[in-house]
């Protein structure tokens, strides 16, 4: 059968775009395939699901520390300035503050 389709595609090129569908596996639609929301979740459920506030707080804490770490990104270029000791002292102070904040949150139990 594939040889006849190949021969037909050569002889009748206007029908050639329809033949790849014939060569592939047959389409077996089911309720999951016919759904417009095909990711494993039932689309007609409740839109409001319970959300853990602890997860939200850890995510906010992560964003806060991530943004503060971004302040250290220009450090390699700042070391080339005329007074690298001042730059390193400010960077050390920032790292110390970040470490103290992390220890405080850890002791408080915000990371559990």
N, C-alpha and C. Protein backbone atom coordinates (compact mmCIF):
# COMPACT_ATOMS: atom_id res chain seq x y z
N UNK A 1 0.81 -1.20 0.00
CA UNK A 1 0.00 0.00 0.00
C UNK A 1 0.86 1.27 0.00
N UNK A 2 1.97 1.36 0.80
CA UNK A 2 2.78 2.58 0.74
C UNK A 2 3.37 2.84 -0.64
N UNK A 3 3.70 1.77 -1.37
CA UNK A 3 4.25 1.99 -2.71
C UNK A 3 3.20 2.59 -3.63
N UNK A 4 1.98 2.15 -3.49
CA UNK A 4 0.93 2.70 -4.35
C UNK A 4 0.67 4.16 -4.01
N UNK A 5 0.76 4.52 -2.72
CA UNK A 5 0.57 5.92 -2.35
C UNK A 5 1.72 6.77 -2.85
N UNK A 6 2.94 6.25 -2.80
CA UNK A 6 4.08 6.99 -3.32
C UNK A 6 3.95 7.18 -4.82
N UNK A 7 3.54 6.14 -5.52
CA UNK A 7 3.33 6.25 -6.96
C UNK A 7 2.21 7.24 -7.27
N UNK A 8 1.16 7.19 -6.50
CA UNK A 8 0.04 8.11 -6.70
C UNK A 8 0.47 9.55 -6.41
N UNK A 9 1.35 9.75 -5.39
CA UNK A 9 1.84 11.09 -5.08
C UNK A 9 2.69 11.64 -6.21
N UNK A 10 3.40 10.76 -6.89
CA UNK A 10 4.21 11.22 -8.03
C UNK A 10 3.31 11.54 -9.21
N UNK A 11 2.33 10.69 -9.44
CA UNK A 11 1.45 10.89 -10.60
C UNK A 11 0.43 12.01 -10.38
N UNK A 12 -0.07 12.13 -9.17
CA UNK A 12 -1.08 13.15 -8.86
C UNK A 12 -0.58 14.01 -7.69
N UNK A 13 0.26 15.00 -7.94
CA UNK A 13 0.88 15.77 -6.86
C UNK A 13 -0.11 16.57 -6.02
N UNK A 14 -1.29 16.87 -6.56
CA UNK A 14 -2.22 17.67 -5.76
C UNK A 14 -2.80 16.85 -4.60
N UNK A 15 -2.74 15.52 -4.67
CA UNK A 15 -3.23 14.67 -3.59
C UNK A 15 -2.12 14.32 -2.59
N UNK A 16 -0.90 14.71 -2.85
CA UNK A 16 0.24 14.35 -2.00
C UNK A 16 0.11 14.86 -0.55
N UNK A 17 -0.40 16.05 -0.30
CA UNK A 17 -0.49 16.49 1.10
C UNK A 17 -1.43 15.64 1.95
N UNK A 18 -2.34 14.91 1.37
CA UNK A 18 -3.27 14.09 2.14
C UNK A 18 -2.68 12.75 2.55
N UNK A 19 -1.61 12.31 1.93
CA UNK A 19 -1.08 10.98 2.19
C UNK A 19 -0.34 10.83 3.52
N UNK A 20 0.32 11.84 4.07
CA UNK A 20 0.94 11.61 5.38
C UNK A 20 -0.07 11.22 6.45
N UNK A 21 -1.29 11.70 6.35
CA UNK A 21 -2.30 11.30 7.31
C UNK A 21 -2.63 9.82 7.19
N UNK A 22 -2.57 9.30 5.99
CA UNK A 22 -2.87 7.89 5.78
C UNK A 22 -1.75 6.99 6.29
N UNK A 23 -0.52 7.49 6.27
CA UNK A 23 0.62 6.68 6.69
C UNK A 23 0.78 6.63 8.21
N UNK A 24 0.29 7.63 8.89
CA UNK A 24 0.45 7.67 10.35
C UNK A 24 -0.62 6.81 11.01
N UNK A 25 -0.53 6.71 12.31
CA UNK A 25 -1.48 5.87 13.05
C UNK A 25 -2.89 6.46 12.96
N UNK A 26 -3.89 5.63 13.08
CA UNK A 26 -5.25 6.13 12.96
C UNK A 26 -5.62 7.01 14.15
N UNK A 27 -6.48 7.94 13.90
CA UNK A 27 -6.94 8.86 14.93
C UNK A 27 -8.06 8.20 15.72
N UNK A 28 -7.83 7.99 17.01
CA UNK A 28 -8.84 7.38 17.87
C UNK A 28 -9.25 8.41 18.92
N UNK A 29 -10.19 9.27 18.61
CA UNK A 29 -10.55 10.30 19.59
C UNK A 29 -11.27 9.70 20.79
N UNK A 30 -10.93 10.19 21.93
CA UNK A 30 -11.57 9.79 23.18
C UNK A 30 -11.97 11.05 23.93
N UNK A 31 -12.53 10.90 25.11
CA UNK A 31 -12.93 12.10 25.85
C UNK A 31 -11.75 12.99 26.22
N UNK A 32 -10.58 12.39 26.47
CA UNK A 32 -9.41 13.20 26.78
C UNK A 32 -8.88 13.96 25.58
N UNK A 33 -8.92 13.34 24.41
CA UNK A 33 -8.42 13.99 23.20
C UNK A 33 -9.39 15.05 22.68
N UNK A 34 -10.67 14.85 22.91
CA UNK A 34 -11.66 15.80 22.43
C UNK A 34 -11.79 17.01 23.35
N UNK A 35 -11.18 16.93 24.53
CA UNK A 35 -11.25 18.04 25.47
C UNK A 35 -10.33 19.16 25.00
N UNK A 36 -10.75 20.39 25.21
CA UNK A 36 -9.90 21.52 24.80
C UNK A 36 -8.80 21.79 25.82
N UNK A 37 -8.89 21.17 26.98
CA UNK A 37 -7.93 21.39 28.06
C UNK A 37 -7.23 20.06 28.32
N UNK A 38 -6.24 19.74 27.49
CA UNK A 38 -5.63 18.41 27.48
C UNK A 38 -4.31 18.40 28.24
N UNK A 39 -4.38 18.45 29.58
CA UNK A 39 -3.14 18.40 30.36
C UNK A 39 -3.25 17.50 31.57
N UNK A 40 -4.31 16.75 31.69
CA UNK A 40 -4.43 15.82 32.80
C UNK A 40 -5.37 16.27 33.89
N UNK A 41 -5.77 17.53 33.89
CA UNK A 41 -6.69 18.02 34.89
C UNK A 41 -8.10 18.03 34.33
N UNK A 42 -9.06 17.82 35.19
CA UNK A 42 -10.45 17.87 34.76
C UNK A 42 -10.84 19.33 34.59
N UNK A 43 -11.28 19.76 33.41
CA UNK A 43 -11.48 21.19 33.15
C UNK A 43 -12.71 21.79 33.81
N UNK A 44 -13.62 21.00 34.28
CA UNK A 44 -14.86 21.55 34.82
C UNK A 44 -14.89 21.54 36.34
N UNK A 45 -13.74 21.45 36.98
CA UNK A 45 -13.67 21.44 38.44
C UNK A 45 -13.71 22.86 38.99
N UNK A 46 -13.45 22.96 40.26
CA UNK A 46 -13.44 24.25 40.93
C UNK A 46 -12.20 25.05 40.52
N UNK A 47 -12.39 26.33 40.31
CA UNK A 47 -11.27 27.18 39.93
C UNK A 47 -10.44 27.58 41.14
N UNK A 48 -11.00 27.46 42.31
CA UNK A 48 -10.30 27.83 43.53
C UNK A 48 -9.85 26.58 44.27
N UNK A 49 -8.56 26.39 44.31
CA UNK A 49 -7.99 25.24 45.00
C UNK A 49 -7.30 25.72 46.27
N UNK A 50 -7.23 24.91 47.30
CA UNK A 50 -6.53 25.33 48.52
C UNK A 50 -5.05 25.57 48.24
N UNK A 51 -4.53 26.65 48.78
CA UNK A 51 -3.15 27.05 48.52
C UNK A 51 -2.45 27.23 49.86
N UNK A 52 -1.29 26.62 50.00
CA UNK A 52 -0.54 26.70 51.24
C UNK A 52 0.13 28.07 51.36
N UNK A 53 -0.14 28.75 52.45
CA UNK A 53 0.47 30.06 52.67
C UNK A 53 1.97 29.92 52.95
N UNK A 54 2.39 28.76 53.45
CA UNK A 54 3.82 28.53 53.70
C UNK A 54 4.60 28.54 52.39
N UNK A 55 4.01 27.92 51.36
CA UNK A 55 4.66 27.93 50.06
C UNK A 55 4.80 29.37 49.55
N UNK A 56 3.78 30.15 49.73
CA UNK A 56 3.81 31.55 49.29
C UNK A 56 4.90 32.32 50.03
N UNK A 57 5.02 32.11 51.33
CA UNK A 57 6.04 32.83 52.11
C UNK A 57 7.45 32.41 51.71
N UNK A 58 7.66 31.13 51.46
CA UNK A 58 8.98 30.67 51.01
C UNK A 58 9.30 31.26 49.64
N UNK A 59 8.30 31.36 48.76
CA UNK A 59 8.52 31.94 47.43
C UNK A 59 8.88 33.42 47.54
N UNK A 60 8.20 34.15 48.41
CA UNK A 60 8.52 35.57 48.61
C UNK A 60 9.91 35.72 49.20
N UNK A 61 10.26 34.86 50.14
CA UNK A 61 11.60 34.90 50.74
C UNK A 61 12.67 34.62 49.69
N UNK A 62 12.41 33.65 48.82
CA UNK A 62 13.35 33.35 47.74
C UNK A 62 13.53 34.56 46.83
N UNK A 63 12.43 35.21 46.44
CA UNK A 63 12.54 36.38 45.57
C UNK A 63 13.31 37.51 46.25
N UNK A 64 13.08 37.69 47.53
CA UNK A 64 13.78 38.74 48.27
C UNK A 64 15.29 38.49 48.27
N UNK A 65 15.70 37.27 48.59
CA UNK A 65 17.13 36.95 48.61
C UNK A 65 17.72 36.98 47.20
N UNK A 66 16.95 36.56 46.22
CA UNK A 66 17.44 36.56 44.84
C UNK A 66 17.70 37.98 44.35
N UNK A 67 16.81 38.90 44.69
CA UNK A 67 17.01 40.29 44.27
C UNK A 67 18.19 40.92 45.00
N UNK A 68 18.38 40.56 46.25
CA UNK A 68 19.51 41.13 46.97
C UNK A 68 20.83 40.55 46.48
N UNK A 69 20.84 39.31 46.06
CA UNK A 69 22.05 38.72 45.49
C UNK A 69 22.38 39.41 44.16
N UNK A 70 21.37 39.89 43.46
CA UNK A 70 21.61 40.60 42.19
C UNK A 70 22.43 41.87 42.42
N UNK A 71 22.42 42.39 43.63
CA UNK A 71 23.25 43.56 43.93
C UNK A 71 24.74 43.21 43.90
N UNK A 72 25.07 41.94 44.05
CA UNK A 72 26.47 41.53 44.04
C UNK A 72 27.00 41.25 42.63
N UNK A 73 26.14 41.26 41.64
CA UNK A 73 26.58 40.94 40.28
C UNK A 73 27.64 41.91 39.72
N UNK A 74 27.55 43.21 39.97
CA UNK A 74 28.60 44.09 39.44
C UNK A 74 29.91 44.06 40.23
N UNK A 75 30.02 43.19 41.21
CA UNK A 75 31.21 43.15 42.06
C UNK A 75 32.51 42.91 41.30
N UNK A 76 32.58 42.00 40.33
CA UNK A 76 33.86 41.83 39.61
C UNK A 76 34.33 43.09 38.89
N UNK A 77 33.40 43.90 38.40
CA UNK A 77 33.80 45.14 37.73
C UNK A 77 34.14 46.21 38.76
N UNK A 78 33.49 46.17 39.92
CA UNK A 78 33.74 47.19 40.94
C UNK A 78 35.09 46.99 41.61
N UNK A 79 35.62 45.79 41.59
CA UNK A 79 36.94 45.55 42.19
C UNK A 79 38.02 46.30 41.42
N UNK A 80 37.78 46.59 40.16
CA UNK A 80 38.77 47.28 39.33
C UNK A 80 38.79 48.79 39.57
N UNK A 81 37.96 49.28 40.47
CA UNK A 81 37.95 50.71 40.77
C UNK A 81 39.20 51.09 41.56
N UNK A 82 39.31 52.39 41.87
CA UNK A 82 40.51 52.87 42.55
C UNK A 82 40.57 52.41 44.01
N UNK A 83 39.40 52.20 44.63
CA UNK A 83 39.41 51.76 46.03
C UNK A 83 38.62 50.45 46.16
N UNK A 84 39.25 49.33 45.86
CA UNK A 84 38.53 48.05 45.95
C UNK A 84 38.21 47.64 47.39
N UNK A 85 38.93 48.20 48.36
CA UNK A 85 38.63 47.84 49.75
C UNK A 85 37.25 48.35 50.16
N UNK A 86 36.89 49.53 49.71
CA UNK A 86 35.55 50.05 50.00
C UNK A 86 34.48 49.17 49.37
N UNK A 87 34.71 48.77 48.14
CA UNK A 87 33.76 47.90 47.44
C UNK A 87 33.62 46.56 48.15
N UNK A 88 34.75 45.99 48.54
CA UNK A 88 34.70 44.70 49.23
C UNK A 88 34.06 44.82 50.61
N UNK A 89 34.25 45.95 51.28
CA UNK A 89 33.61 46.12 52.60
C UNK A 89 32.09 46.23 52.44
N UNK A 90 31.61 46.95 51.42
CA UNK A 90 30.16 47.02 51.18
C UNK A 90 29.60 45.66 50.78
N UNK A 91 30.33 44.92 49.97
CA UNK A 91 29.88 43.59 49.58
C UNK A 91 29.85 42.65 50.78
N UNK A 92 30.86 42.75 51.64
CA UNK A 92 30.89 41.91 52.84
C UNK A 92 29.74 42.26 53.78
N UNK A 93 29.43 43.54 53.90
CA UNK A 93 28.30 43.97 54.72
C UNK A 93 26.99 43.42 54.17
N UNK A 94 26.83 43.45 52.86
CA UNK A 94 25.62 42.93 52.24
C UNK A 94 25.50 41.42 52.46
N UNK A 95 26.59 40.70 52.30
CA UNK A 95 26.57 39.25 52.52
C UNK A 95 26.28 38.94 53.99
N UNK A 96 26.84 39.74 54.90
CA UNK A 96 26.57 39.54 56.33
C UNK A 96 25.10 39.77 56.64
N UNK A 97 24.51 40.82 56.08
CA UNK A 97 23.08 41.08 56.29
C UNK A 97 22.21 39.96 55.73
N UNK A 98 22.57 39.46 54.55
CA UNK A 98 21.82 38.35 53.97
C UNK A 98 21.93 37.10 54.83
N UNK A 99 23.12 36.84 55.35
CA UNK A 99 23.32 35.67 56.20
C UNK A 99 22.53 35.81 57.50
N UNK A 100 22.56 37.00 58.10
CA UNK A 100 21.79 37.21 59.33
C UNK A 100 20.29 37.07 59.08
N UNK A 101 19.81 37.57 57.95
CA UNK A 101 18.40 37.41 57.61
C UNK A 101 18.02 35.96 57.41
N UNK A 102 18.89 35.20 56.78
CA UNK A 102 18.63 33.78 56.57
C UNK A 102 18.62 33.02 57.89
N UNK A 103 19.58 33.32 58.77
CA UNK A 103 19.63 32.67 60.08
C UNK A 103 18.39 33.02 60.89
N UNK A 104 17.97 34.27 60.85
CA UNK A 104 16.76 34.69 61.58
C UNK A 104 15.53 33.93 61.09
N UNK A 105 15.37 33.83 59.78
CA UNK A 105 14.21 33.12 59.23
C UNK A 105 14.29 31.63 59.55
N UNK A 106 15.48 31.08 59.57
CA UNK A 106 15.67 29.67 59.87
C UNK A 106 15.28 29.39 61.33
N UNK A 107 15.76 30.25 62.25
CA UNK A 107 15.43 30.08 63.67
C UNK A 107 13.94 30.29 63.90
N UNK A 108 13.36 31.24 63.20
CA UNK A 108 11.93 31.52 63.34
C UNK A 108 11.07 30.37 62.81
N UNK A 109 11.62 29.55 61.92
CA UNK A 109 10.88 28.42 61.37
C UNK A 109 10.21 28.74 60.06
N UNK A 110 10.64 29.78 59.39
CA UNK A 110 10.02 30.18 58.13
C UNK A 110 10.42 29.34 56.94
N UNK A 111 11.41 28.46 57.11
CA UNK A 111 11.87 27.64 55.99
C UNK A 111 11.39 26.20 56.08
N UNK A 112 10.53 25.91 57.04
CA UNK A 112 10.05 24.53 57.19
C UNK A 112 8.73 24.33 56.50
